[in-house]
């Protein structure tokens, strides 16, 4: 229907223009032919155009360009990361800041275990330069975990980098996101992830549960470090970051 009125409008406009130039080609046996051209074909073209507008469907929303979509996706991703990380602070954050966060999220479970043995890395994903690490543990809520993401040196890549940050345990889980350097020499693994819990870095309430010296930390993933028993999980991963070569 829309195309019909579009074609009809174009035909009337063409006849209108021809009639203004030479009225005898479109009006026969009448005087004042140019006036009739304006009256007849001008009116028909106008009516047809109005009907065309009425019958036309509403314009479809324009899809965002790839760059716009990527920008919005990155903003949403950054927002979700910020929420999931419990307002994760940068590496330079002081210990006092993390202790305050720990007090905020500390809560005693209905049945705290007699000993703490579980600390695992369940999932490691990466997108571009972003690495997300998710794991499980039986440590108390609010426990501060230290995460170290390291590129292992190889004959091909003798240089390496270390990324260090912290996160908190919530409902027997933890989640943290890191961003790798945008440098081609750091784009390939292997990489090592180390997640560990030390009683020395905890608030007094958590130290009372696990022991100031880690007396209640047991199992295969525990070991003594600086005369304190810690809980530790180490995992090696191998993937390649999508880093574009510099134009310079």
C-alpha atoms as a PDB file:
ATOM      1  CA  UNK A   1       0.000   0.000   0.000  1.00  0.00           C
ATOM      2  CA  UNK A   2       2.803   2.389   0.860  1.00  0.00           C
ATOM      3  CA  UNK A   3       4.577   1.759  -2.443  1.00  0.00           C
ATOM      4  CA  UNK A   4       1.328   2.256  -4.353  1.00  0.00           C
ATOM      5  CA  UNK A   5       0.780   5.746  -2.936  1.00  0.00           C
ATOM      6  CA  UNK A   6       4.453   6.558  -3.359  1.00  0.00           C
ATOM      7  CA  UNK A   7       4.293   5.715  -7.080  1.00  0.00           C
ATOM      8  CA  UNK A   8       0.968   7.538  -7.408  1.00  0.00           C
ATOM      9  CA  UNK A   9       2.416  10.664  -5.784  1.00  0.00           C
ATOM     10  CA  UNK A  10       5.392  10.602  -8.136  1.00  0.00           C
ATOM     11  CA  UNK A  11       3.127  10.230 -11.168  1.00  0.00           C
ATOM     12  CA  UNK A  12       0.973  13.200 -10.124  1.00  0.00           C
ATOM     13  CA  UNK A  13       4.060  15.315  -9.478  1.00  0.00           C
ATOM     14  CA  UNK A  14       5.481  14.457 -12.883  1.00  0.00           C
ATOM     15  CA  UNK A  15       2.174  15.337 -14.578  1.00  0.00           C
ATOM     16  CA  UNK A  16       2.000  18.534 -12.506  1.00  0.00           C
ATOM     17  CA  UNK A  17       5.481  19.628 -13.651  1.00  0.00           C
ATOM     18  CA  UNK A  18       4.749  18.710 -17.299  1.00  0.00           C
ATOM     19  CA  UNK A  19       1.454  20.609 -17.128  1.00  0.00           C
ATOM     20  CA  UNK A  20       3.138  23.748 -15.839  1.00  0.00           C
ATOM     21  CA  UNK A  21       5.595  23.606 -18.735  1.00  0.00           C
ATOM     22  CA  UNK A  22       3.067  22.658 -21.441  1.00  0.00           C
ATOM     23  CA  UNK A  23      -0.561  22.410 -20.201  1.00  0.00           C
ATOM     24  CA  UNK A  24      -1.832  21.054 -23.531  1.00  0.00           C
ATOM     25  CA  UNK A  25      -0.026  17.757 -22.874  1.00  0.00           C
ATOM     26  CA  UNK A  26      -2.159  16.929 -19.823  1.00  0.00           C
ATOM     27  CA  UNK A  27      -5.330  19.104 -20.233  1.00  0.00           C
ATOM     28  CA  UNK A  28      -7.466  18.948 -23.390  1.00  0.00           C
ATOM     29  CA  UNK A  29     -10.352  21.085 -24.714  1.00  0.00           C
ATOM     30  CA  UNK A  30     -10.226  23.633 -21.891  1.00  0.00           C
ATOM     31  CA  UNK A  31      -9.048  27.187 -21.575  1.00  0.00           C
ATOM     32  CA  UNK A  32      -6.954  28.338 -18.619  1.00  0.00           C
ATOM     33  CA  UNK A  33      -5.245  25.012 -18.775  1.00  0.00           C
ATOM     34  CA  UNK A  34      -2.374  25.995 -16.447  1.00  0.00           C
ATOM     35  CA  UNK A  35      -4.896  26.861 -13.716  1.00  0.00           C
ATOM     36  CA  UNK A  36      -6.558  23.459 -14.155  1.00  0.00           C
ATOM     37  CA  UNK A  37      -3.145  21.748 -13.987  1.00  0.00           C
ATOM     38  CA  UNK A  38      -2.495  23.357 -10.600  1.00  0.00           C
ATOM     39  CA  UNK A  39      -6.034  22.593  -9.392  1.00  0.00           C
ATOM     40  CA  UNK A  40      -6.253  18.982 -10.564  1.00  0.00           C
ATOM     41  CA  UNK A  41      -2.747  17.550 -10.440  1.00  0.00           C
ATOM     42  CA  UNK A  42      -1.579  19.712  -7.568  1.00  0.00           C
ATOM     43  CA  UNK A  43      -4.539  18.585  -5.457  1.00  0.00           C
ATOM     44  CA  UNK A  44      -4.115  14.917  -6.449  1.00  0.00           C
ATOM     45  CA  UNK A  45      -0.387  15.000  -5.640  1.00  0.00           C
ATOM     46  CA  UNK A  46      -1.049  16.639  -2.266  1.00  0.00           C
ATOM     47  CA  UNK A  47      -3.797  14.174  -1.303  1.00  0.00           C
ATOM     48  CA  UNK A  48      -1.711  11.204  -2.413  1.00  0.00           C
ATOM     49  CA  UNK A  49       1.266  12.480  -0.401  1.00  0.00           C
ATOM     50  CA  UNK A  50      -0.867  12.893   2.744  1.00  0.00           C
ATOM     51  CA  UNK A  51      -2.228   9.354   2.386  1.00  0.00           C
ATOM     52  CA  UNK A  52       1.353   8.133   1.878  1.00  0.00           C
ATOM     53  CA  UNK A  53       2.398   9.693   5.182  1.00  0.00           C
ATOM     54  CA  UNK A  54      -0.610   8.221   7.007  1.00  0.00           C
ATOM     55  CA  UNK A  55      -0.073   4.708   5.707  1.00  0.00           C
ATOM     56  CA  UNK A  56       3.708   4.704   6.188  1.00  0.00           C
ATOM     57  CA  UNK A  57       4.941   2.565   9.134  1.00  0.00           C
ATOM     58  CA  UNK A  58       6.815   4.288  11.965  1.00  0.00           C
ATOM     59  CA  UNK A  59      10.566   4.500  11.419  1.00  0.00           C
ATOM     60  CA  UNK A  60      12.589   1.594  12.820  1.00  0.00           C
ATOM     61  CA  UNK A  61      15.107   2.432  15.532  1.00  0.00           C
ATOM     62  CA  UNK A  62      18.588   2.864  14.158  1.00  0.00           C
ATOM     63  CA  UNK A  63      21.081   0.256  15.290  1.00  0.00           C
ATOM     64  CA  UNK A  64      24.150   1.609  17.010  1.00  0.00           C
ATOM     65  CA  UNK A  65      27.436   1.364  15.238  1.00  0.00           C
ATOM     66  CA  UNK A  66      29.942  -1.225  16.332  1.00  0.00           C
ATOM     67  CA  UNK A  67      31.994   1.379  18.207  1.00  0.00           C
ATOM     68  CA  UNK A  68      28.921   2.746  20.004  1.00  0.00           C
ATOM     69  CA  UNK A  69      27.817  -0.774  20.936  1.00  0.00           C
ATOM     70  CA  UNK A  70      31.278  -1.634  22.229  1.00  0.00           C
ATOM     71  CA  UNK A  71      31.365   1.557  24.278  1.00  0.00           C
ATOM     72  CA  UNK A  72      27.993   0.847  25.885  1.00  0.00           C
ATOM     73  CA  UNK A  73      28.925  -2.797  26.491  1.00  0.00           C
ATOM     74  CA  UNK A  74      32.178  -1.748  28.170  1.00  0.00           C
ATOM     75  CA  UNK A  75      30.331   0.732  30.399  1.00  0.00           C
ATOM     76  CA  UNK A  76      27.817  -1.920  31.466  1.00  0.00           C
ATOM     77  CA  UNK A  77      30.588  -4.456  31.950  1.00  0.00           C
ATOM     78  CA  UNK A  78      32.577  -2.015  34.117  1.00  0.00           C
ATOM     79  CA  UNK A  79      29.452  -1.242  36.143  1.00  0.00           C
ATOM     80  CA  UNK A  80      28.722  -4.940  36.754  1.00  0.00           C
ATOM     81  CA  UNK A  81      32.338  -5.583  37.664  1.00  0.00           C
ATOM     82  CA  UNK A  82      32.238  -2.770  40.197  1.00  0.00           C
ATOM     83  CA  UNK A  83      29.134  -4.236  41.833  1.00  0.00           C
ATOM     84  CA  UNK A  84      30.427  -7.823  41.833  1.00  0.00           C
ATOM     85  CA  UNK A  85      33.759  -6.852  43.344  1.00  0.00           C
ATOM     86  CA  UNK A  86      32.171  -5.103  46.304  1.00  0.00           C
ATOM     87  CA  UNK A  87      33.715  -1.820  45.282  1.00  0.00           C
ATOM     88  CA  UNK A  88      37.100  -3.447  44.803  1.00  0.00           C
ATOM     89  CA  UNK A  89      39.926  -1.054  45.579  1.00  0.00           C
ATOM     90  CA  UNK A  90      43.135  -0.700  43.539  1.00  0.00           C
ATOM     91  CA  UNK A  91      46.368  -2.374  44.556  1.00  0.00           C
ATOM     92  CA  UNK A  92      47.557   0.742  46.368  1.00  0.00           C
ATOM     93  CA  UNK A  93      44.622   0.639  48.826  1.00  0.00           C
ATOM     94  CA  UNK A  94      45.694   0.561  52.417  1.00  0.00           C
ATOM     95  CA  UNK A  95      45.170  -2.422  54.695  1.00  0.00           C
ATOM     96  CA  UNK A  96      42.898  -0.267  56.840  1.00  0.00           C
ATOM     97  CA  UNK A  97      40.477   0.180  53.933  1.00  0.00           C
ATOM     98  CA  UNK A  98      40.232  -3.571  53.416  1.00  0.00           C
ATOM     99  CA  UNK A  99      39.763  -4.203  57.131  1.00  0.00           C
ATOM    100  CA  UNK A 100      36.842  -1.765  57.104  1.00  0.00           C
ATOM    101  CA  UNK A 101      35.316  -3.618  54.156  1.00  0.00           C
ATOM    102  CA  UNK A 102      35.852  -6.897  55.957  1.00  0.00           C
ATOM    103  CA  UNK A 103      33.974  -5.661  59.034  1.00  0.00           C
ATOM    104  CA  UNK A 104      31.106  -4.569  56.798  1.00  0.00           C
ATOM    105  CA  UNK A 105      30.639  -8.013  55.251  1.00  0.00           C
ATOM    106  CA  UNK A 106      31.613 -10.185  58.215  1.00  0.00           C
ATOM    107  CA  UNK A 107      28.831 -12.424  59.508  1.00  0.00           C
ATOM    108  CA  UNK A 108      28.851 -15.602  61.541  1.00  0.00           C
ATOM    109  CA  UNK A 109      27.205 -18.556  59.828  1.00  0.00           C
ATOM    110  CA  UNK A 110      24.703 -20.749  61.644  1.00  0.00           C
ATOM    111  CA  UNK A 111      27.278 -23.530  61.921  1.00  0.00           C
ATOM    112  CA  UNK A 112      30.902 -22.475  61.545  1.00  0.00           C
ATOM    113  CA  UNK A 113      33.210 -25.453  60.812  1.00  0.00           C
ATOM    114  CA  UNK A 114      35.658 -26.653  63.438  1.00  0.00           C
ATOM    115  CA  UNK A 115      38.434 -26.303  60.893  1.00  0.00           C
ATOM    116  CA  UNK A 116      38.882 -24.496  57.572  1.00  0.00           C
ATOM    117  CA  UNK A 117      40.241 -26.557  54.682  1.00  0.00           C
ATOM    118  CA  UNK A 118      38.615 -25.358  51.454  1.00  0.00           C
ATOM    119  CA  UNK A 119      39.932 -22.753  49.025  1.00  0.00           C
ATOM    120  CA  UNK A 120      39.538 -23.368  45.307  1.00  0.00           C
ATOM    121  CA  UNK A 121      39.661 -21.569  41.961  1.00  0.00           C
ATOM    122  CA  UNK A 122      36.484 -22.646  40.171  1.00  0.00           C
ATOM    123  CA  UNK A 123      36.528 -20.544  37.021  1.00  0.00           C
ATOM    124  CA  UNK A 124      39.003 -18.342  35.140  1.00  0.00           C
ATOM    125  CA  UNK A 125      37.773 -16.385  32.137  1.00  0.00           C
ATOM    126  CA  UNK A 126      39.303 -13.640  30.071  1.00  0.00           C
ATOM    127  CA  UNK A 127      38.002 -11.062  27.609  1.00  0.00           C
ATOM    128  CA  UNK A 128      40.546  -8.839  25.876  1.00  0.00           C
ATOM    129  CA  UNK A 129      42.804  -7.735  28.758  1.00  0.00           C
ATOM    130  CA  UNK A 130      40.297  -8.522  31.530  1.00  0.00           C
ATOM    131  CA  UNK A 131      40.697 -11.642  33.684  1.00  0.00           C
ATOM    132  CA  UNK A 132      37.879 -12.758  35.981  1.00  0.00           C
ATOM    133  CA  UNK A 133      38.547 -15.278  38.743  1.00  0.00           C
ATOM    134  CA  UNK A 134      35.765 -17.016  40.676  1.00  0.00           C
ATOM    135  CA  UNK A 135      36.233 -19.498  43.493  1.00  0.00           C
ATOM    136  CA  UNK A 136      34.776 -21.176  46.558  1.00  0.00           C
ATOM    137  CA  UNK A 137      35.893 -21.496  50.154  1.00  0.00           C
ATOM    138  CA  UNK A 138      34.639 -22.419  53.623  1.00  0.00           C
ATOM    139  CA  UNK A 139      36.274 -19.346  55.171  1.00  0.00           C
ATOM    140  CA  UNK A 140      34.071 -16.875  57.110  1.00  0.00           C
ATOM    141  CA  UNK A 141      32.213 -14.116  55.292  1.00  0.00           C
ATOM    142  CA  UNK A 142      34.314 -10.981  55.056  1.00  0.00           C
ATOM    143  CA  UNK A 143      37.628 -12.848  54.964  1.00  0.00           C
ATOM    144  CA  UNK A 144      40.257 -10.955  52.977  1.00  0.00           C
ATOM    145  CA  UNK A 145      41.864 -12.968  50.180  1.00  0.00           C
ATOM    146  CA  UNK A 146      45.010 -11.880  48.358  1.00  0.00           C
ATOM    147  CA  UNK A 147      45.174 -12.677  44.645  1.00  0.00           C
ATOM    148  CA  UNK A 148      48.367 -12.717  42.608  1.00  0.00           C
ATOM    149  CA  UNK A 149      48.218 -13.125  38.821  1.00  0.00           C
ATOM    150  CA  UNK A 150      51.669 -13.736  37.371  1.00  0.00           C
ATOM    151  CA  UNK A 151      53.069 -14.358  33.924  1.00  0.00           C
ATOM    152  CA  UNK A 152      55.581 -17.180  34.187  1.00  0.00           C
ATOM    153  CA  UNK A 153      58.894 -16.580  32.442  1.00  0.00           C
ATOM    154  CA  UNK A 154      59.793 -18.775  29.473  1.00  0.00           C
ATOM    155  CA  UNK A 155      62.782 -18.807  27.085  1.00  0.00           C
ATOM    156  CA  UNK A 156      60.577 -17.052  24.548  1.00  0.00           C
ATOM    157  CA  UNK A 157      59.227 -14.534  27.065  1.00  0.00           C
ATOM    158  CA  UNK A 158      61.871 -13.978  29.762  1.00  0.00           C
ATOM    159  CA  UNK A 159      60.071 -10.881  31.068  1.00  0.00           C
ATOM    160  CA  UNK A 160      57.034 -11.238  33.287  1.00  0.00           C
ATOM    161  CA  UNK A 161      54.496  -9.198  35.186  1.00  0.00           C
ATOM    162  CA  UNK A 162      52.672  -9.545  38.480  1.00  0.00           C
ATOM    163  CA  UNK A 163      49.161  -8.285  39.197  1.00  0.00           C
ATOM    164  CA  UNK A 164      48.171  -8.155  42.846  1.00  0.00           C
ATOM    165  CA  UNK A 165      44.826  -7.300  44.393  1.00  0.00           C
ATOM    166  CA  UNK A 166      42.420  -8.294  47.158  1.00  0.00           C
ATOM    167  CA  UNK A 167      38.837  -9.430  47.438  1.00  0.00           C
ATOM    168  CA  UNK A 168      36.372 -10.528  50.117  1.00  0.00           C
ATOM    169  CA  UNK A 169      34.566 -13.791  50.792  1.00  0.00           C
ATOM    170  CA  UNK A 170      30.788 -13.591  50.505  1.00  0.00           C
ATOM    171  CA  UNK A 171      28.483 -16.561  51.020  1.00  0.00           C
ATOM    172  CA  UNK A 172      31.388 -19.025  50.691  1.00  0.00           C
ATOM    173  CA  UNK A 173      32.433 -17.547  47.357  1.00  0.00           C
ATOM    174  CA  UNK A 174      34.805 -14.905  46.048  1.00  0.00           C
ATOM    175  CA  UNK A 175      35.164 -13.074  42.754  1.00  0.00           C
ATOM    176  CA  UNK A 176      37.805 -10.716  41.439  1.00  0.00           C
ATOM    177  CA  UNK A 177      38.635  -9.006  38.151  1.00  0.00           C
ATOM    178  CA  UNK A 178      42.088  -7.951  36.949  1.00  0.00           C
ATOM    179  CA  UNK A 179      43.313  -6.115  33.858  1.00  0.00           C
ATOM    180  CA  UNK A 180      46.494  -7.265  32.158  1.00  0.00           C
ATOM    181  CA  UNK A 181      49.024  -4.788  30.702  1.00  0.00           C
ATOM    182  CA  UNK A 182      48.341  -3.787  27.096  1.00  0.00           C
ATOM    183  CA  UNK A 183      51.718  -4.988  25.908  1.00  0.00           C
ATOM    184  CA  UNK A 184      52.407  -7.646  23.287  1.00  0.00           C
ATOM    185  CA  UNK A 185      55.240  -9.216  25.295  1.00  0.00           C
ATOM    186  CA  UNK A 186      52.722 -10.009  28.040  1.00  0.00           C
ATOM    187  CA  UNK A 187      50.025 -11.346  25.714  1.00  0.00           C
ATOM    188  CA  UNK A 188      50.858 -15.050  26.034  1.00  0.00           C
ATOM    189  CA  UNK A 189      51.077 -17.428  28.977  1.00  0.00           C
ATOM    190  CA  UNK A 190      51.576 -19.574  30.813  1.00  0.00           C
ATOM    191  CA  UNK A 191      50.141 -17.655  33.772  1.00  0.00           C
ATOM    192  CA  UNK A 192      49.935 -18.552  37.437  1.00  0.00           C
ATOM    193  CA  UNK A 193      47.099 -17.588  39.780  1.00  0.00           C
ATOM    194  CA  UNK A 194      47.736 -17.648  43.518  1.00  0.00           C
ATOM    195  CA  UNK A 195      44.884 -17.094  45.969  1.00  0.00           C
ATOM    196  CA  UNK A 196      45.690 -17.233  49.655  1.00  0.00           C
ATOM    197  CA  UNK A 197      44.297 -16.412  53.079  1.00  0.00           C
ATOM    198  CA  UNK A 198      46.464 -15.349  56.015  1.00  0.00           C
ATOM    199  CA  UNK A 199      45.066 -14.810  59.536  1.00  0.00           C
ATOM    200  CA  UNK A 200      47.504 -11.935  60.036  1.00  0.00           C
ATOM    201  CA  UNK A 201      45.567  -9.767  57.550  1.00  0.00           C
ATOM    202  CA  UNK A 202      42.099 -10.325  59.080  1.00  0.00           C
ATOM    203  CA  UNK A 203      39.886  -8.470  61.514  1.00  0.00           C
ATOM    204  CA  UNK A 204      39.865  -9.744  65.150  1.00  0.00           C
ATOM    205  CA  UNK A 205      36.478 -11.448  64.741  1.00  0.00           C
ATOM    206  CA  UNK A 206      37.809 -13.651  61.913  1.00  0.00           C
ATOM    207  CA  UNK A 207      41.085 -14.271  63.742  1.00  0.00           C
ATOM    208  CA  UNK A 208      39.059 -15.630  66.679  1.00  0.00           C
ATOM    209  CA  UNK A 209      37.368 -18.125  64.330  1.00  0.00           C
ATOM    210  CA  UNK A 210      40.447 -19.384  62.485  1.00  0.00           C
ATOM    211  CA  UNK A 211      43.032 -18.764  65.191  1.00  0.00           C
ATOM    212  CA  UNK A 212      45.527 -15.911  65.251  1.00  0.00           C
ATOM    213  CA  UNK A 213      48.212 -18.290  64.096  1.00  0.00           C
ATOM    214  CA  UNK A 214      45.882 -20.225  61.821  1.00  0.00           C
ATOM    215  CA  UNK A 215      45.365 -23.057  64.331  1.00  0.00           C
ATOM    216  CA  UNK A 216      42.036 -24.062  62.734  1.00  0.00           C
ATOM    217  CA  UNK A 217      43.382 -24.009  59.180  1.00  0.00           C
ATOM    218  CA  UNK A 218      43.951 -27.602  58.087  1.00  0.00           C
ATOM    219  CA  UNK A 219      44.071 -29.802  55.005  1.00  0.00           C
ATOM    220  CA  UNK A 220      46.229 -30.267  51.944  1.00  0.00           C
ATOM    221  CA  UNK A 221      45.919 -26.630  50.884  1.00  0.00           C
ATOM    222  CA  UNK A 222      47.334 -25.287  54.129  1.00  0.00           C
ATOM    223  CA  UNK A 223      50.967 -24.576  54.848  1.00  0.00           C
ATOM    224  CA  UNK A 224      53.076 -22.574  57.261  1.00  0.00           C
ATOM    225  CA  UNK A 225      54.404 -19.203  56.113  1.00  0.00           C
ATOM    226  CA  UNK A 226      56.253 -16.852  58.479  1.00  0.00           C
ATOM    227  CA  UNK A 227      55.247 -19.003  61.452  1.00  0.00           C
ATOM    228  CA  UNK A 228      51.562 -18.659  60.521  1.00  0.00           C
ATOM    229  CA  UNK A 229      49.411 -21.298  58.875  1.00  0.00           C
ATOM    230  CA  UNK A 230      47.767 -20.027  55.696  1.00  0.00           C
ATOM    231  CA  UNK A 231      45.300 -21.440  53.188  1.00  0.00           C
ATOM    232  CA  UNK A 232      46.467 -21.316  49.586  1.00  0.00           C
ATOM    233  CA  UNK A 233      45.363 -22.327  46.079  1.00  0.00           C
ATOM    234  CA  UNK A 234      47.655 -22.138  43.040  1.00  0.00           C
ATOM    235  CA  UNK A 235      46.537 -22.751  39.469  1.00  0.00           C
ATOM    236  CA  UNK A 236      48.261 -22.402  36.106  1.00  0.00           C
ATOM    237  CA  UNK A 237      46.329 -21.282  33.032  1.00  0.00           C
ATOM    238  CA  UNK A 238      47.345 -20.729  29.443  1.00  0.00           C
ATOM    239  CA  UNK A 239      45.616 -18.369  27.050  1.00  0.00           C
ATOM    240  CA  UNK A 240      46.445 -15.394  24.873  1.00  0.00           C
ATOM    241  CA  UNK A 241      45.285 -11.829  25.433  1.00  0.00           C
ATOM    242  CA  UNK A 242      43.852 -10.031  22.430  1.00  0.00           C
ATOM    243  CA  UNK A 243      46.291  -7.113  22.300  1.00  0.00           C
ATOM    244  CA  UNK A 244      46.650  -5.119  19.081  1.00  0.00           C
ATOM    245  CA  UNK A 245      50.155  -4.056  18.059  1.00  0.00           C
ATOM    246  CA  UNK A 246      50.965  -0.411  18.712  1.00  0.00           C
ATOM    247  CA  UNK A 247      50.835   1.837  15.661  1.00  0.00           C
ATOM    248  CA  UNK A 248      53.986   3.634  16.701  1.00  0.00           C
END
